[in-house]
Amino acid sequence: MDEPWRRDRRLMRASLPKDWAISDKSGAGSHTRNLVAMVTPPGRAPFLVSIFISDTDVDFETRNGALKDVSAAIVDVLKRR
């Protein structure tokens, strides 16, 4: 199943090396943004990641940017593990 949303690289996928697998689900509410993911580097055990941003009055695109920045920081740590 190769749905377009599975190739969307706006959030955590943007920071991942192309050969890493990811299964993820993002969500949002009126003052929140979140992402839950299982990230699997080739030949290694998967990592489970959960990011939750809450209690913010910034717009959706700003929350997306924050989620992308946090995701990139997490991926940088995972690359060194």
Foldseek 3Di string as FASTA:
>chain_A
DDDPVLVDCLALNVQDDPQKDKDKDWDDDQFKIKMWMWIGHPPDHTDTDIDIGGDHNDDPVVRSVVRRVVSNVVNVVVVVD
